[in-house]
Amino acid sequence: MVEEVVVDVEREEHRAALVLRWRGGATTELVVELPRAYSPPIRTDEDTVELMPGSPSLRRRDDRRHLEPPGRRTATGERFTRGRVSSLRTS
């Protein structure tokens, strides 16, 4: 059973050193990598988003037609599908 935990966070190195003291006196030392800084979500280019028809009454098939000119891709470089267009409309 663990009786004590000592944590030393080293932010510059993105890690934390832990010392676990067990009942009976034994200790265990661990080094844990910390997550890197948050990166913003990937976004589709604004010029592509502006091509999205504003009318919610337009069918998805019509939306896709506006987004399929050569060179228009999602933020991750994929072709637009109905699902991807729908996702773009709701984001």
PDB file of N, CA and C in Angstrom:
ATOM      1  N   MET A   1       0.841  -1.167   0.000  1.00  0.00           N
ATOM      2  CA  MET A   1       0.000   0.000   0.000  1.00  0.00           C
ATOM      3  C   MET A   1       0.898   1.246   0.000  1.00  0.00           C
ATOM      4  N   VAL A   2       0.520   2.251  -0.767  1.00  0.00           N
ATOM      5  CA  VAL A   2       1.285   3.496  -0.866  1.00  0.00           C
ATOM      6  C   VAL A   2       0.963   4.376   0.337  1.00  0.00           C
ATOM      7  N   GLU A   3       2.013   4.885   0.971  1.00  0.00           N
ATOM      8  CA  GLU A   3       1.812   5.794   2.098  1.00  0.00           C
ATOM      9  C   GLU A   3       2.032   7.251   1.729  1.00  0.00           C
ATOM     10  N   GLU A   4       2.907   7.499   0.744  1.00  0.00           N
ATOM     11  CA  GLU A   4       3.197   8.878   0.378  1.00  0.00           C
ATOM     12  C   GLU A   4       3.618   8.943  -1.087  1.00  0.00           C
ATOM     13  N   VAL A   5       3.236  10.024  -1.746  1.00  0.00           N
ATOM     14  CA  VAL A   5       3.664  10.284  -3.117  1.00  0.00           C
ATOM     15  C   VAL A   5       4.239  11.697  -3.157  1.00  0.00           C
ATOM     16  N   VAL A   6       5.469  11.824  -3.674  1.00  0.00           N
ATOM     17  CA  VAL A   6       6.104  13.124  -3.834  1.00  0.00           C
ATOM     18  C   VAL A   6       6.251  13.369  -5.331  1.00  0.00           C
ATOM     19  N   VAL A   7       5.752  14.516  -5.798  1.00  0.00           N
ATOM     20  CA  VAL A   7       5.782  14.842  -7.223  1.00  0.00           C
ATOM     21  C   VAL A   7       6.594  16.118  -7.421  1.00  0.00           C
ATOM     22  N   ASP A   8       7.554  16.052  -8.339  1.00  0.00           N
ATOM     23  CA  ASP A   8       8.366  17.208  -8.705  1.00  0.00           C
ATOM     24  C   ASP A   8       8.169  17.450 -10.203  1.00  0.00           C
ATOM     25  N   VAL A   9       7.425  18.508 -10.537  1.00  0.00           N
ATOM     26  CA  VAL A   9       7.124  18.801 -11.939  1.00  0.00           C
ATOM     27  C   VAL A   9       8.247  19.639 -12.535  1.00  0.00           C
ATOM     28  N   GLU A  10       8.768  19.183 -13.668  1.00  0.00           N
ATOM     29  CA  GLU A  10       9.811  19.892 -14.410  1.00  0.00           C
ATOM     30  C   GLU A  10       9.189  20.369 -15.721  1.00  0.00           C
ATOM     31  N   ARG A  11       8.565  21.545 -15.676  1.00  0.00           N
ATOM     32  CA  ARG A  11       7.801  22.052 -16.819  1.00  0.00           C
ATOM     33  C   ARG A  11       8.653  22.237 -18.069  1.00  0.00           C
ATOM     34  N   GLU A  12       9.842  22.763 -17.900  1.00  0.00           N
ATOM     35  CA  GLU A  12      10.710  23.021 -19.060  1.00  0.00           C
ATOM     36  C   GLU A  12      11.016  21.733 -19.829  1.00  0.00           C
ATOM     37  N   GLU A  13      11.164  20.623 -19.109  1.00  0.00           N
ATOM     38  CA  GLU A  13      11.490  19.328 -19.722  1.00  0.00           C
ATOM     39  C   GLU A  13      10.246  18.506 -20.032  1.00  0.00           C
ATOM     40  N   HIS A  14       9.058  19.036 -19.686  1.00  0.00           N
ATOM     41  CA  HIS A  14       7.781  18.335 -19.914  1.00  0.00           C
ATOM     42  C   HIS A  14       7.771  16.957 -19.265  1.00  0.00           C
ATOM     43  N   ARG A  15       8.169  16.929 -17.995  1.00  0.00           N
ATOM     44  CA  ARG A  15       8.136  15.654 -17.273  1.00  0.00           C
ATOM     45  C   ARG A  15       7.920  15.914 -15.791  1.00  0.00           C
ATOM     46  N   ALA A  16       7.566  14.847 -15.097  1.00  0.00           N
ATOM     47  CA  ALA A  16       7.398  14.898 -13.646  1.00  0.00           C
ATOM     48  C   ALA A  16       8.123  13.706 -13.048  1.00  0.00           C
ATOM     49  N   ALA A  17       8.833  13.968 -11.955  1.00  0.00           N
ATOM     50  CA  ALA A  17       9.511  12.896 -11.226  1.00  0.00           C
ATOM     51  C   ALA A  17       8.660  12.572 -10.004  1.00  0.00           C
ATOM     52  N   LEU A  18       8.371  11.287  -9.824  1.00  0.00           N
ATOM     53  CA  LEU A  18       7.554  10.849  -8.693  1.00  0.00           C
ATOM     54  C   LEU A  18       8.350   9.902  -7.819  1.00  0.00           C
ATOM     55  N   VAL A  19       8.139  10.033  -6.534  1.00  0.00           N
ATOM     56  CA  VAL A  19       8.706   9.082  -5.577  1.00  0.00           C
ATOM     57  C   VAL A  19       7.538   8.529  -4.780  1.00  0.00           C
ATOM     58  N   LEU A  20       7.378   7.216  -4.848  1.00  0.00           N
ATOM     59  CA  LEU A  20       6.320   6.535  -4.091  1.00  0.00           C
ATOM     60  C   LEU A  20       6.957   5.875  -2.876  1.00  0.00           C
ATOM     61  N   ARG A  21       6.423   6.190  -1.701  1.00  0.00           N
ATOM     62  CA  ARG A  21       6.921   5.518  -0.493  1.00  0.00           C
ATOM     63  C   ARG A  21       5.849   4.538  -0.053  1.00  0.00           C
ATOM     64  N   TRP A  22       6.254   3.261  -0.003  1.00  0.00           N
ATOM     65  CA  TRP A  22       5.356   2.169   0.316  1.00  0.00           C
ATOM     66  C   TRP A  22       5.365   1.899   1.820  1.00  0.00           C
ATOM     67  N   ARG A  23       4.291   1.301   2.287  1.00  0.00           N
ATOM     68  CA  ARG A  23       4.256   0.855   3.679  1.00  0.00           C
ATOM     69  C   ARG A  23       5.410  -0.120   3.865  1.00  0.00           C
ATOM     70  N   GLY A  24       6.179   0.053   4.882  1.00  0.00           N
ATOM     71  CA  GLY A  24       7.341  -0.790   5.114  1.00  0.00           C
ATOM     72  C   GLY A  24       8.632  -0.066   4.758  1.00  0.00           C
ATOM     73  N   GLY A  25       8.539   1.119   4.094  1.00  0.00           N
ATOM     74  CA  GLY A  25       9.716   1.925   3.838  1.00  0.00           C
ATOM     75  C   GLY A  25      10.316   1.848   2.448  1.00  0.00           C
ATOM     76  N   ALA A  26       9.939   0.876   1.637  1.00  0.00           N
ATOM     77  CA  ALA A  26      10.486   0.782   0.278  1.00  0.00           C
ATOM     78  C   ALA A  26      10.016   1.991  -0.549  1.00  0.00           C
ATOM     79  N   THR A  27      10.824   2.398  -1.530  1.00  0.00           N
ATOM     80  CA  THR A  27      10.446   3.511  -2.411  1.00  0.00           C
ATOM     81  C   THR A  27      10.574   3.090  -3.876  1.00  0.00           C
ATOM     82  N   THR A  28       9.770   3.722  -4.692  1.00  0.00           N
ATOM     83  CA  THR A  28       9.832   3.538  -6.141  1.00  0.00           C
ATOM     84  C   THR A  28       9.917   4.921  -6.759  1.00  0.00           C
ATOM     85  N   GLU A  29      10.868   5.101  -7.685  1.00  0.00           N
ATOM     86  CA  GLU A  29      11.004   6.378  -8.383  1.00  0.00           C
ATOM     87  C   GLU A  29      10.558   6.212  -9.830  1.00  0.00           C
ATOM     88  N   LEU A  30       9.776   7.168 -10.298  1.00  0.00           N
ATOM     89  CA  LEU A  30       9.264   7.144 -11.661  1.00  0.00           C
ATOM     90  C   LEU A  30       9.465   8.511 -12.310  1.00  0.00           C
ATOM     91  N   VAL A  31       9.669   8.513 -13.621  1.00  0.00           N
ATOM     92  CA  VAL A  31       9.675   9.747 -14.398  1.00  0.00           C
ATOM     93  C   VAL A  31       8.556   9.609 -15.431  1.00  0.00           C
ATOM     94  N   VAL A  32       7.668  10.583 -15.455  1.00  0.00           N
ATOM     95  CA  VAL A  32       6.502  10.543 -16.336  1.00  0.00           C
ATOM     96  C   VAL A  32       6.563  11.729 -17.289  1.00  0.00           C
ATOM     97  N   GLU A  33       6.408  11.450 -18.598  1.00  0.00           N
ATOM     98  CA  GLU A  33       6.367  12.517 -19.594  1.00  0.00           C
ATOM     99  C   GLU A  33       5.029  13.247 -19.487  1.00  0.00           C
ATOM    100  N   LEU A  34       5.083  14.564 -19.526  1.00  0.00           N
ATOM    101  CA  LEU A  34       3.871  15.375 -19.484  1.00  0.00           C
ATOM    102  C   LEU A  34       3.455  15.749 -20.902  1.00  0.00           C
ATOM    103  N   PRO A  35       2.156  15.955 -21.124  1.00  0.00           N
ATOM    104  CA  PRO A  35       1.701  16.346 -22.456  1.00  0.00           C
ATOM    105  C   PRO A  35       2.308  17.684 -22.859  1.00  0.00           C
ATOM    106  N   ARG A  36       2.549  17.828 -24.139  1.00  0.00           N
ATOM    107  CA  ARG A  36       3.067  19.092 -24.679  1.00  0.00           C
ATOM    108  C   ARG A  36       1.956  20.128 -24.676  1.00  0.00           C
ATOM    109  N   ALA A  37       2.298  21.343 -24.978  1.00  0.00           N
ATOM    110  CA  ALA A  37       1.321  22.436 -25.001  1.00  0.00           C
ATOM    111  C   ALA A  37       0.178  22.110 -25.957  1.00  0.00           C
ATOM    112  N   TYR A  38      -0.964  22.605 -25.643  1.00  0.00           N
ATOM    113  CA  TYR A  38      -2.156  22.422 -26.455  1.00  0.00           C
ATOM    114  C   TYR A  38      -1.950  23.051 -27.837  1.00  0.00           C
ATOM    115  N   SER A  39      -2.334  22.325 -28.860  1.00  0.00           N
ATOM    116  CA  SER A  39      -2.287  22.893 -30.211  1.00  0.00           C
ATOM    117  C   SER A  39      -3.720  23.107 -30.690  1.00  0.00           C
ATOM    118  N   PRO A  40      -3.976  24.216 -31.342  1.00  0.00           N
ATOM    119  CA  PRO A  40      -5.343  24.516 -31.776  1.00  0.00           C
ATOM    120  C   PRO A  40      -5.835  23.493 -32.791  1.00  0.00           C
ATOM    121  N   PRO A  41      -7.142  23.319 -32.875  1.00  0.00           N
ATOM    122  CA  PRO A  41      -7.686  22.362 -33.840  1.00  0.00           C
ATOM    123  C   PRO A  41      -7.365  22.770 -35.276  1.00  0.00           C
ATOM    124  N   ILE A  42      -7.298  21.785 -36.137  1.00  0.00           N
ATOM    125  CA  ILE A  42      -7.058  22.036 -37.559  1.00  0.00           C
ATOM    126  C   ILE A  42      -8.336  22.603 -38.150  1.00  0.00           C
ATOM    127  N   ARG A  43      -8.217  23.668 -38.905  1.00  0.00           N
ATOM    128  CA  ARG A  43      -9.375  24.331 -39.492  1.00  0.00           C
ATOM    129  C   ARG A  43      -9.272  24.347 -41.016  1.00  0.00           C
ATOM    130  N   THR A  44     -10.411  24.209 -41.672  1.00  0.00           N
ATOM    131  CA  THR A  44     -10.469  24.331 -43.131  1.00  0.00           C
ATOM    132  C   THR A  44     -10.223  25.789 -43.503  1.00  0.00           C
ATOM    133  N   ASP A  45      -9.506  26.015 -44.606  1.00  0.00           N
ATOM    134  CA  ASP A  45      -9.201  27.373 -45.048  1.00  0.00           C
ATOM    135  C   ASP A  45     -10.467  28.219 -45.117  1.00  0.00           C
ATOM    136  N   GLU A  46     -10.333  29.476 -44.694  1.00  0.00           N
ATOM    137  CA  GLU A  46     -11.491  30.380 -44.701  1.00  0.00           C
ATOM    138  C   GLU A  46     -12.068  30.579 -46.096  1.00  0.00           C
ATOM    139  N   ASP A  47     -11.220  30.629 -47.127  1.00  0.00           N
ATOM    140  CA  ASP A  47     -11.752  30.821 -48.481  1.00  0.00           C
ATOM    141  C   ASP A  47     -12.614  29.643 -48.905  1.00  0.00           C
ATOM    142  N   THR A  48     -12.311  28.445 -48.413  1.00  0.00           N
ATOM    143  CA  THR A  48     -13.142  27.272 -48.705  1.00  0.00           C
ATOM    144  C   THR A  48     -14.438  27.353 -47.912  1.00  0.00           C
ATOM    145  N   VAL A  49     -14.349  27.764 -46.659  1.00  0.00           N
ATOM    146  CA  VAL A  49     -15.554  27.886 -45.822  1.00  0.00           C
ATOM    147  C   VAL A  49     -16.506  28.911 -46.424  1.00  0.00           C
ATOM    148  N   GLU A  50     -15.967  29.982 -46.986  1.00  0.00           N
ATOM    149  CA  GLU A  50     -16.810  31.023 -47.584  1.00  0.00           C
ATOM    150  C   GLU A  50     -17.591  30.512 -48.789  1.00  0.00           C
ATOM    151  N   LEU A  51     -17.131  29.438 -49.415  1.00  0.00           N
ATOM    152  CA  LEU A  51     -17.864  28.866 -50.551  1.00  0.00           C
ATOM    153  C   LEU A  51     -19.121  28.130 -50.112  1.00  0.00           C
ATOM    154  N   MET A  52     -19.217  27.828 -48.822  1.00  0.00           N
ATOM    155  CA  MET A  52     -20.367  27.088 -48.309  1.00  0.00           C
ATOM    156  C   MET A  52     -21.623  27.940 -48.457  1.00  0.00           C
ATOM    157  N   PRO A  53     -22.610  27.456 -49.190  1.00  0.00           N
ATOM    158  CA  PRO A  53     -23.852  28.226 -49.326  1.00  0.00           C
ATOM    159  C   PRO A  53     -24.472  28.478 -47.955  1.00  0.00           C
ATOM    160  N   GLY A  54     -24.992  29.662 -47.742  1.00  0.00           N
ATOM    161  CA  GLY A  54     -25.537  30.036 -46.448  1.00  0.00           C
ATOM    162  C   GLY A  54     -26.915  29.475 -46.160  1.00  0.00           C
ATOM    163  N   SER A  55     -27.643  29.079 -47.176  1.00  0.00           N
ATOM    164  CA  SER A  55     -29.016  28.632 -46.976  1.00  0.00           C
ATOM    165  C   SER A  55     -29.078  27.209 -46.445  1.00  0.00           C
ATOM    166  N   PRO A  56     -29.659  27.011 -45.251  1.00  0.00           N
ATOM    167  CA  PRO A  56     -29.789  25.654 -44.716  1.00  0.00           C
ATOM    168  C   PRO A  56     -30.741  24.791 -45.533  1.00  0.00           C
ATOM    169  N   SER A  57     -31.539  25.413 -46.404  1.00  0.00           N
ATOM    170  CA  SER A  57     -32.481  24.631 -47.201  1.00  0.00           C
ATOM    171  C   SER A  57     -31.819  23.943 -48.392  1.00  0.00           C
ATOM    172  N   LEU A  58     -30.571  24.326 -48.712  1.00  0.00           N
ATOM    173  CA  LEU A  58     -29.886  23.664 -49.823  1.00  0.00           C
ATOM    174  C   LEU A  58     -29.552  22.225 -49.452  1.00  0.00           C
ATOM    175  N   ARG A  59     -29.675  21.357 -50.409  1.00  0.00           N
ATOM    176  CA  ARG A  59     -29.377  19.957 -50.145  1.00  0.00           C
ATOM    177  C   ARG A  59     -27.870  19.759 -50.043  1.00  0.00           C
ATOM    178  N   ARG A  60     -27.462  18.743 -49.299  1.00  0.00           N
ATOM    179  CA  ARG A  60     -26.037  18.459 -49.120  1.00  0.00           C
ATOM    180  C   ARG A  60     -25.339  18.235 -50.455  1.00  0.00           C
ATOM    181  N   ARG A  61     -26.024  17.594 -51.380  1.00  0.00           N
ATOM    182  CA  ARG A  61     -25.434  17.329 -52.686  1.00  0.00           C
ATOM    183  C   ARG A  61     -25.048  18.650 -53.357  1.00  0.00           C
ATOM    184  N   ASP A  62     -25.888  19.688 -53.210  1.00  0.00           N
ATOM    185  CA  ASP A  62     -25.597  20.993 -53.788  1.00  0.00           C
ATOM    186  C   ASP A  62     -24.390  21.626 -53.094  1.00  0.00           C
ATOM    187  N   ASP A  63     -24.278  21.472 -51.780  1.00  0.00           N
ATOM    188  CA  ASP A  63     -23.137  22.004 -51.042  1.00  0.00           C
ATOM    189  C   ASP A  63     -21.845  21.406 -51.570  1.00  0.00           C
ATOM    190  N   ARG A  64     -21.850  20.101 -51.765  1.00  0.00           N
ATOM    191  CA  ARG A  64     -20.646  19.416 -52.219  1.00  0.00           C
ATOM    192  C   ARG A  64     -20.186  19.941 -53.567  1.00  0.00           C
ATOM    193  N   ARG A  65     -21.118  20.244 -54.446  1.00  0.00           N
ATOM    194  CA  ARG A  65     -20.784  20.753 -55.769  1.00  0.00           C
ATOM    195  C   ARG A  65     -19.977  22.042 -55.650  1.00  0.00           C
ATOM    196  N   HIS A  66     -20.318  22.900 -54.684  1.00  0.00           N
ATOM    197  CA  HIS A  66     -19.597  24.155 -54.486  1.00  0.00           C
ATOM    198  C   HIS A  66     -18.186  23.932 -53.941  1.00  0.00           C
ATOM    199  N   LEU A  67     -17.947  22.825 -53.289  1.00  0.00           N
ATOM    200  CA  LEU A  67     -16.664  22.588 -52.630  1.00  0.00           C
ATOM    201  C   LEU A  67     -15.754  21.642 -53.392  1.00  0.00           C
ATOM    202  N   GLU A  68     -16.157  21.197 -54.574  1.00  0.00           N
ATOM    203  CA  GLU A  68     -15.350  20.242 -55.309  1.00  0.00           C
ATOM    204  C   GLU A  68     -14.535  20.810 -56.462  1.00  0.00           C
ATOM    205  N   PRO A  69     -14.400  22.132 -56.604  1.00  0.00           N
ATOM    206  CA  PRO A  69     -13.510  22.603 -57.668  1.00  0.00           C
ATOM    207  C   PRO A  69     -12.098  22.084 -57.414  1.00  0.00           C
ATOM    208  N   PRO A  70     -11.287  21.988 -58.454  1.00  0.00           N
ATOM    209  CA  PRO A  70      -9.924  21.492 -58.249  1.00  0.00           C
ATOM    210  C   PRO A  70      -9.202  22.277 -57.163  1.00  0.00           C
ATOM    211  N   GLY A  71      -8.515  21.562 -56.295  1.00  0.00           N
ATOM    212  CA  GLY A  71      -7.733  22.192 -55.246  1.00  0.00           C
ATOM    213  C   GLY A  71      -8.464  22.421 -53.940  1.00  0.00           C
ATOM    214  N   ARG A  72      -9.777  22.241 -53.909  1.00  0.00           N
ATOM    215  CA  ARG A  72     -10.511  22.432 -52.656  1.00  0.00           C
ATOM    216  C   ARG A  72     -10.477  21.141 -51.869  1.00  0.00           C
ATOM    217  N   ARG A  73      -9.884  21.192 -50.682  1.00  0.00           N
ATOM    218  CA  ARG A  73      -9.764  20.015 -49.816  1.00  0.00           C
ATOM    219  C   ARG A  73     -10.101  20.392 -48.382  1.00  0.00           C
ATOM    220  N   THR A  74     -10.304  19.386 -47.569  1.00  0.00           N
ATOM    221  CA  THR A  74     -10.532  19.620 -46.142  1.00  0.00           C
ATOM    222  C   THR A  74      -9.230  20.102 -45.506  1.00  0.00           C
ATOM    223  N   ALA A  75      -9.293  20.458 -44.234  1.00  0.00           N
ATOM    224  CA  ALA A  75      -8.106  20.932 -43.513  1.00  0.00           C
ATOM    225  C   ALA A  75      -7.019  19.868 -43.465  1.00  0.00           C
ATOM    226  N   THR A  76      -7.412  18.598 -43.557  1.00  0.00           N
ATOM    227  CA  THR A  76      -6.424  17.508 -43.530  1.00  0.00           C
ATOM    228  C   THR A  76      -6.065  17.020 -44.925  1.00  0.00           C
ATOM    229  N   GLY A  77      -6.528  17.748 -45.973  1.00  0.00           N
ATOM    230  CA  GLY A  77      -6.141  17.421 -47.339  1.00  0.00           C
ATOM    231  C   GLY A  77      -6.991  16.378 -48.034  1.00  0.00           C
ATOM    232  N   GLU A  78      -8.147  16.051 -47.482  1.00  0.00           N
ATOM    233  CA  GLU A  78      -9.002  15.030 -48.084  1.00  0.00           C
ATOM    234  C   GLU A  78     -10.090  15.675 -48.940  1.00  0.00           C
ATOM    235  N   ARG A  79     -10.647  14.858 -49.859  1.00  0.00           N
ATOM    236  CA  ARG A  79     -11.757  15.330 -50.690  1.00  0.00           C
ATOM    237  C   ARG A  79     -12.995  15.482 -49.820  1.00  0.00           C
ATOM    238  N   PHE A  80     -13.855  16.411 -50.197  1.00  0.00           N
ATOM    239  CA  PHE A  80     -15.096  16.590 -49.460  1.00  0.00           C
ATOM    240  C   PHE A  80     -16.077  15.480 -49.790  1.00  0.00           C
ATOM    241  N   THR A  81     -16.668  14.919 -48.767  1.00  0.00           N
ATOM    242  CA  THR A  81     -17.751  13.941 -48.884  1.00  0.00           C
ATOM    243  C   THR A  81     -18.973  14.580 -48.239  1.00  0.00           C
ATOM    244  N   ARG A  82     -20.110  13.932 -48.334  1.00  0.00           N
ATOM    245  CA  ARG A  82     -21.313  14.474 -47.684  1.00  0.00           C
ATOM    246  C   ARG A  82     -21.077  14.661 -46.188  1.00  0.00           C
ATOM    247  N   GLY A  83     -20.459  13.676 -45.562  1.00  0.00           N
ATOM    248  CA  GLY A  83     -20.203  13.765 -44.126  1.00  0.00           C
ATOM    249  C   GLY A  83     -19.271  14.914 -43.775  1.00  0.00           C
ATOM    250  N   ARG A  84     -18.239  15.113 -44.580  1.00  0.00           N
ATOM    251  CA  ARG A  84     -17.286  16.192 -44.307  1.00  0.00           C
ATOM    252  C   ARG A  84     -17.916  17.559 -44.530  1.00  0.00           C
ATOM    253  N   VAL A  85     -18.769  17.670 -45.552  1.00  0.00           N
ATOM    254  CA  VAL A  85     -19.469  18.929 -45.795  1.00  0.00           C
ATOM    255  C   VAL A  85     -20.425  19.196 -44.634  1.00  0.00           C
ATOM    256  N   SER A  86     -21.138  18.172 -44.198  1.00  0.00           N
ATOM    257  CA  SER A  86     -22.056  18.325 -43.080  1.00  0.00           C
ATOM    258  C   SER A  86     -21.315  18.773 -41.828  1.00  0.00           C
ATOM    259  N   SER A  87     -20.165  18.170 -41.587  1.00  0.00           N
ATOM    260  CA  SER A  87     -19.351  18.542 -40.431  1.00  0.00           C
ATOM    261  C   SER A  87     -18.899  19.998 -40.528  1.00  0.00           C
ATOM    262  N   LEU A  88     -18.522  20.426 -41.719  1.00  0.00           N
ATOM    263  CA  LEU A  88     -18.087  21.813 -41.933  1.00  0.00           C
ATOM    264  C   LEU A  88     -19.227  22.787 -41.658  1.00  0.00           C
ATOM    265  N   ARG A  89     -20.433  22.408 -42.075  1.00  0.00           N
ATOM    266  CA  ARG A  89     -21.588  23.284 -41.875  1.00  0.00           C
ATOM    267  C   ARG A  89     -21.920  23.445 -40.407  1.00  0.00           C
ATOM    268  N   THR A  90     -21.689  22.422 -39.606  1.00  0.00           N
ATOM    269  CA  THR A  90     -22.068  22.478 -38.198  1.00  0.00           C
ATOM    270  C   THR A  90     -20.950  22.975 -37.300  1.00  0.00           C
ATOM    271  N   SER A  91     -19.757  23.228 -37.854  1.00  0.00           N
ATOM    272  CA  SER A  91     -18.654  23.680 -37.005  1.00  0.00           C
ATOM    273  C   SER A  91     -18.590  25.182 -36.923  1.00  0.00           C
TER     274      SER A  91
END
